[in-house]
Amino acid sequence: MEQPNQTYINSLSGDDKAFKQKLIDVIKKEFPEEKQVYFDNYHAKNYKLAADNVHKLKHKISILGLEKGYEVAVAYENNLLEGSANQKDLFEAILTNITKYLEEI
């Protein structure tokens, strides 16, 4: 499985370590909250709202350098809008992978 990384964050922040840390801190704060809202909406069968949550999460997926993960998120978002849970397990595996990564950095 593709691993999260800081390549894009590094390119945004350049040599500004304080700015880089601010970006990481924002992701570490927002990601768990957005992930939980996604799970809440999915389990409540609010697929339109869950699709909106996936839309927000896919930007963090992209920022963390997960190109294939981003593609999965796009497909899953579209599936949810159509009432399908196709790619759910793969998407949620990406969320788990990101969670572990954020706990380590």
N, C-alpha and C. Protein backbone atom coordinates (compact mmCIF):
# COMPACT_ATOMS: atom_id res chain seq x y z
N MET A 1 0.85 -1.18 0.00
CA MET A 1 0.00 0.00 0.00
C MET A 1 0.89 1.24 0.00
N GLU A 2 0.44 2.22 -0.72
CA GLU A 2 1.10 3.51 -0.81
C GLU A 2 1.24 4.13 0.60
N GLN A 3 2.39 4.74 0.87
CA GLN A 3 2.63 5.30 2.20
C GLN A 3 2.54 6.83 2.18
N PRO A 4 1.91 7.40 3.20
CA PRO A 4 1.87 8.86 3.31
C PRO A 4 3.29 9.42 3.43
N ASN A 5 3.45 10.65 2.97
CA ASN A 5 4.76 11.29 3.04
C ASN A 5 4.59 12.80 3.12
N GLN A 6 5.69 13.49 3.29
CA GLN A 6 5.66 14.94 3.44
C GLN A 6 6.24 15.66 2.22
N THR A 7 6.34 14.99 1.10
CA THR A 7 6.94 15.59 -0.09
C THR A 7 6.23 16.88 -0.49
N TYR A 8 4.89 16.84 -0.58
CA TYR A 8 4.14 18.02 -0.98
C TYR A 8 4.23 19.10 0.09
N ILE A 9 4.14 18.71 1.35
CA ILE A 9 4.25 19.66 2.45
C ILE A 9 5.62 20.34 2.41
N ASN A 10 6.66 19.57 2.15
CA ASN A 10 8.00 20.13 2.05
C ASN A 10 8.10 21.13 0.90
N SER A 11 7.46 20.81 -0.22
CA SER A 11 7.52 21.73 -1.37
C SER A 11 6.76 23.02 -1.07
N LEU A 12 5.68 22.92 -0.32
CA LEU A 12 4.92 24.12 0.06
C LEU A 12 5.68 24.99 1.04
N SER A 13 6.32 24.36 1.99
CA SER A 13 6.94 25.11 3.08
C SER A 13 8.38 25.53 2.79
N GLY A 14 9.02 24.89 1.82
CA GLY A 14 10.40 25.23 1.54
C GLY A 14 11.25 25.00 2.77
N ASP A 15 12.04 25.99 3.12
CA ASP A 15 12.92 25.88 4.29
C ASP A 15 12.26 26.43 5.56
N ASP A 16 11.00 26.82 5.47
CA ASP A 16 10.31 27.41 6.62
C ASP A 16 9.77 26.30 7.52
N LYS A 17 10.56 25.93 8.52
CA LYS A 17 10.19 24.82 9.41
C LYS A 17 8.94 25.14 10.24
N ALA A 18 8.77 26.40 10.61
CA ALA A 18 7.59 26.78 11.40
C ALA A 18 6.33 26.62 10.57
N PHE A 19 6.38 27.03 9.31
CA PHE A 19 5.22 26.89 8.43
C PHE A 19 4.91 25.42 8.19
N LYS A 20 5.95 24.62 7.97
CA LYS A 20 5.77 23.19 7.77
C LYS A 20 5.07 22.57 8.98
N GLN A 21 5.51 22.94 10.18
CA GLN A 21 4.91 22.39 11.39
C GLN A 21 3.46 22.83 11.53
N LYS A 22 3.15 24.07 11.13
CA LYS A 22 1.76 24.55 11.18
C LYS A 22 0.87 23.71 10.27
N LEU A 23 1.37 23.41 9.06
CA LEU A 23 0.61 22.58 8.13
C LEU A 23 0.35 21.20 8.73
N ILE A 24 1.39 20.61 9.28
CA ILE A 24 1.26 19.28 9.89
C ILE A 24 0.28 19.33 11.05
N ASP A 25 0.39 20.37 11.88
CA ASP A 25 -0.51 20.51 13.03
C ASP A 25 -1.97 20.63 12.61
N VAL A 26 -2.22 21.38 11.54
CA VAL A 26 -3.59 21.52 11.03
C VAL A 26 -4.12 20.16 10.58
N ILE A 27 -3.32 19.43 9.84
CA ILE A 27 -3.74 18.11 9.37
C ILE A 27 -3.99 17.18 10.55
N LYS A 28 -3.08 17.19 11.52
CA LYS A 28 -3.24 16.32 12.69
C LYS A 28 -4.49 16.66 13.50
N LYS A 29 -4.89 17.91 13.49
CA LYS A 29 -6.08 18.33 14.22
C LYS A 29 -7.35 18.00 13.43
N GLU A 30 -7.36 18.37 12.15
CA GLU A 30 -8.57 18.25 11.34
C GLU A 30 -8.86 16.82 10.88
N PHE A 31 -7.83 16.06 10.54
CA PHE A 31 -8.05 14.74 9.96
C PHE A 31 -8.89 13.83 10.85
N PRO A 32 -8.55 13.67 12.14
CA PRO A 32 -9.37 12.77 12.97
C PRO A 32 -10.82 13.23 13.09
N GLU A 33 -11.02 14.54 13.17
CA GLU A 33 -12.38 15.08 13.26
C GLU A 33 -13.17 14.78 11.99
N GLU A 34 -12.56 15.05 10.85
CA GLU A 34 -13.23 14.82 9.56
C GLU A 34 -13.48 13.33 9.34
N LYS A 35 -12.54 12.51 9.75
CA LYS A 35 -12.69 11.05 9.62
C LYS A 35 -13.88 10.57 10.45
N GLN A 36 -14.00 11.07 11.67
CA GLN A 36 -15.10 10.65 12.54
C GLN A 36 -16.45 11.09 11.98
N VAL A 37 -16.52 12.29 11.44
CA VAL A 37 -17.78 12.76 10.85
C VAL A 37 -18.15 11.87 9.66
N TYR A 38 -17.13 11.49 8.86
CA TYR A 38 -17.39 10.57 7.74
C TYR A 38 -18.01 9.27 8.26
N PHE A 39 -17.38 8.65 9.28
CA PHE A 39 -17.89 7.39 9.81
C PHE A 39 -19.30 7.56 10.38
N ASP A 40 -19.53 8.65 11.09
CA ASP A 40 -20.87 8.90 11.64
C ASP A 40 -21.91 8.98 10.54
N ASN A 41 -21.60 9.73 9.48
CA ASN A 41 -22.56 9.86 8.38
C ASN A 41 -22.74 8.56 7.62
N TYR A 42 -21.65 7.83 7.41
CA TYR A 42 -21.77 6.56 6.70
C TYR A 42 -22.64 5.58 7.49
N HIS A 43 -22.38 5.45 8.77
CA HIS A 43 -23.13 4.49 9.59
C HIS A 43 -24.60 4.90 9.75
N ALA A 44 -24.86 6.19 9.62
CA ALA A 44 -26.24 6.68 9.67
C ALA A 44 -26.91 6.59 8.28
N LYS A 45 -26.17 6.05 7.30
CA LYS A 45 -26.64 5.89 5.93
C LYS A 45 -26.94 7.22 5.25
N ASN A 46 -26.24 8.27 5.69
CA ASN A 46 -26.32 9.58 5.05
C ASN A 46 -25.22 9.64 3.98
N TYR A 47 -25.45 8.94 2.88
CA TYR A 47 -24.41 8.77 1.88
C TYR A 47 -24.01 10.06 1.20
N LYS A 48 -24.95 10.97 1.01
CA LYS A 48 -24.62 12.27 0.41
C LYS A 48 -23.68 13.03 1.34
N LEU A 49 -23.97 13.06 2.63
CA LEU A 49 -23.09 13.73 3.58
C LEU A 49 -21.75 13.00 3.69
N ALA A 50 -21.78 11.68 3.65
CA ALA A 50 -20.53 10.91 3.68
C ALA A 50 -19.68 11.24 2.45
N ALA A 51 -20.32 11.41 1.30
CA ALA A 51 -19.60 11.80 0.09
C ALA A 51 -18.95 13.17 0.27
N ASP A 52 -19.65 14.09 0.92
CA ASP A 52 -19.08 15.41 1.21
C ASP A 52 -17.86 15.27 2.12
N ASN A 53 -17.95 14.36 3.09
CA ASN A 53 -16.82 14.12 4.00
C ASN A 53 -15.63 13.53 3.24
N VAL A 54 -15.90 12.60 2.34
CA VAL A 54 -14.83 12.02 1.52
C VAL A 54 -14.18 13.11 0.68
N HIS A 55 -14.99 14.03 0.17
CA HIS A 55 -14.48 15.14 -0.63
C HIS A 55 -13.46 15.95 0.18
N LYS A 56 -13.79 16.25 1.42
CA LYS A 56 -12.86 16.99 2.28
C LYS A 56 -11.61 16.17 2.58
N LEU A 57 -11.81 14.91 2.88
CA LEU A 57 -10.68 14.04 3.24
C LEU A 57 -9.73 13.81 2.07
N LYS A 58 -10.26 13.80 0.86
CA LYS A 58 -9.39 13.50 -0.28
C LYS A 58 -8.33 14.57 -0.47
N HIS A 59 -8.59 15.79 -0.02
CA HIS A 59 -7.57 16.83 -0.13
C HIS A 59 -6.40 16.55 0.82
N LYS A 60 -6.69 16.04 1.99
CA LYS A 60 -5.62 15.68 2.92
C LYS A 60 -4.88 14.45 2.39
N ILE A 61 -5.60 13.55 1.76
CA ILE A 61 -4.97 12.39 1.14
C ILE A 61 -3.96 12.85 0.10
N SER A 62 -4.35 13.82 -0.68
CA SER A 62 -3.47 14.37 -1.71
C SER A 62 -2.27 15.09 -1.10
N ILE A 63 -2.50 15.90 -0.08
CA ILE A 63 -1.42 16.64 0.58
C ILE A 63 -0.39 15.68 1.17
N LEU A 64 -0.85 14.52 1.59
CA LEU A 64 0.06 13.52 2.17
C LEU A 64 0.68 12.61 1.10
N GLY A 65 0.59 13.02 -0.16
CA GLY A 65 1.31 12.36 -1.24
C GLY A 65 0.75 11.04 -1.71
N LEU A 66 -0.52 10.77 -1.42
CA LEU A 66 -1.12 9.50 -1.80
C LEU A 66 -1.90 9.66 -3.11
N GLU A 67 -1.17 9.55 -4.22
CA GLU A 67 -1.80 9.76 -5.53
C GLU A 67 -2.84 8.70 -5.84
N LYS A 68 -2.52 7.44 -5.60
CA LYS A 68 -3.49 6.37 -5.83
C LYS A 68 -4.62 6.46 -4.83
N GLY A 69 -4.31 6.84 -3.60
CA GLY A 69 -5.33 7.03 -2.58
C GLY A 69 -6.31 8.12 -2.97
N TYR A 70 -5.80 9.17 -3.58
CA TYR A 70 -6.66 10.25 -4.06
C TYR A 70 -7.63 9.73 -5.11
N GLU A 71 -7.12 8.92 -6.03
CA GLU A 71 -7.97 8.34 -7.07
C GLU A 71 -9.06 7.45 -6.47
N VAL A 72 -8.70 6.68 -5.44
CA VAL A 72 -9.68 5.84 -4.75
C VAL A 72 -10.75 6.73 -4.11
N ALA A 73 -10.32 7.82 -3.48
CA ALA A 73 -11.27 8.73 -2.82
C ALA A 73 -12.23 9.36 -3.82
N VAL A 74 -11.73 9.74 -4.98
CA VAL A 74 -12.59 10.32 -6.02
C VAL A 74 -13.64 9.30 -6.45
N ALA A 75 -13.20 8.08 -6.71
CA ALA A 75 -14.12 7.03 -7.14
C ALA A 75 -15.14 6.71 -6.05
N TYR A 76 -14.67 6.63 -4.82
CA TYR A 76 -15.56 6.31 -3.70
C TYR A 76 -16.58 7.42 -3.47
N GLU A 77 -16.13 8.66 -3.57
CA GLU A 77 -17.05 9.80 -3.43
C GLU A 77 -18.17 9.69 -4.47
N ASN A 78 -17.81 9.40 -5.71
CA ASN A 78 -18.82 9.25 -6.77
C ASN A 78 -19.73 8.07 -6.50
N ASN A 79 -19.17 6.98 -6.01
CA ASN A 79 -19.98 5.81 -5.68
C ASN A 79 -21.00 6.14 -4.59
N LEU A 80 -20.56 6.84 -3.56
CA LEU A 80 -21.48 7.21 -2.48
C LEU A 80 -22.63 8.08 -3.01
N LEU A 81 -22.31 8.98 -3.91
CA LEU A 81 -23.35 9.84 -4.48
C LEU A 81 -24.37 9.03 -5.26
N GLU A 82 -23.94 7.86 -5.75
CA GLU A 82 -24.84 6.96 -6.48
C GLU A 82 -25.47 5.92 -5.56
N GLY A 83 -25.19 6.02 -4.26
CA GLY A 83 -25.76 5.08 -3.30
C GLY A 83 -25.02 3.77 -3.17
N SER A 84 -23.79 3.72 -3.69
CA SER A 84 -23.00 2.50 -3.65
C SER A 84 -21.84 2.65 -2.66
N ALA A 85 -21.53 1.56 -1.98
CA ALA A 85 -20.39 1.56 -1.05
C ALA A 85 -19.15 0.92 -1.68
N ASN A 86 -19.15 0.77 -3.01
CA ASN A 86 -18.01 0.19 -3.69
C ASN A 86 -16.76 1.02 -3.40
N GLN A 87 -15.68 0.38 -3.03
CA GLN A 87 -14.38 0.95 -2.67
C GLN A 87 -14.31 1.43 -1.22
N LYS A 88 -15.35 1.16 -0.43
CA LYS A 88 -15.39 1.56 0.97
C LYS A 88 -14.20 0.99 1.74
N ASP A 89 -13.98 -0.32 1.61
CA ASP A 89 -12.91 -0.96 2.38
C ASP A 89 -11.54 -0.40 2.01
N LEU A 90 -11.32 -0.16 0.74
CA LEU A 90 -10.04 0.40 0.29
C LEU A 90 -9.87 1.82 0.81
N PHE A 91 -10.93 2.61 0.74
CA PHE A 91 -10.88 3.99 1.25
C PHE A 91 -10.60 4.00 2.74
N GLU A 92 -11.28 3.16 3.47
CA GLU A 92 -11.10 3.13 4.93
C GLU A 92 -9.72 2.59 5.32
N ALA A 93 -9.14 1.73 4.49
CA ALA A 93 -7.77 1.28 4.74
C ALA A 93 -6.79 2.45 4.58
N ILE A 94 -7.07 3.32 3.64
CA ILE A 94 -6.25 4.52 3.46
C ILE A 94 -6.36 5.41 4.69
N LEU A 95 -7.57 5.57 5.21
CA LEU A 95 -7.76 6.38 6.42
C LEU A 95 -6.97 5.80 7.59
N THR A 96 -6.99 4.49 7.73
CA THR A 96 -6.24 3.84 8.80
C THR A 96 -4.74 4.06 8.62
N ASN A 97 -4.28 3.95 7.40
CA ASN A 97 -2.87 4.16 7.09
C ASN A 97 -2.45 5.60 7.45
N ILE A 98 -3.28 6.56 7.11
CA ILE A 98 -2.98 7.96 7.43
C ILE A 98 -2.99 8.17 8.95
N THR A 99 -3.96 7.59 9.63
CA THR A 99 -4.04 7.72 11.08
C THR A 99 -2.76 7.25 11.74
N LYS A 100 -2.28 6.08 11.33
CA LYS A 100 -1.02 5.55 11.89
C LYS A 100 0.14 6.48 11.59
N TYR A 101 0.19 6.99 10.38
CA TYR A 101 1.27 7.89 9.98
C TYR A 101 1.27 9.16 10.83
N LEU A 102 0.09 9.75 11.00
CA LEU A 102 -0.01 11.00 11.76
C LEU A 102 0.36 10.80 13.24
N GLU A 103 0.12 9.61 13.75
CA GLU A 103 0.50 9.31 15.14
C GLU A 103 2.02 9.21 15.29
N GLU A 104 2.71 8.91 14.20
CA GLU A 104 4.15 8.70 14.25
C GLU A 104 4.97 9.96 13.98
N ILE A 105 4.35 10.94 13.33
CA ILE A 105 5.13 12.15 13.01
C ILE A 105 4.93 13.24 14.05
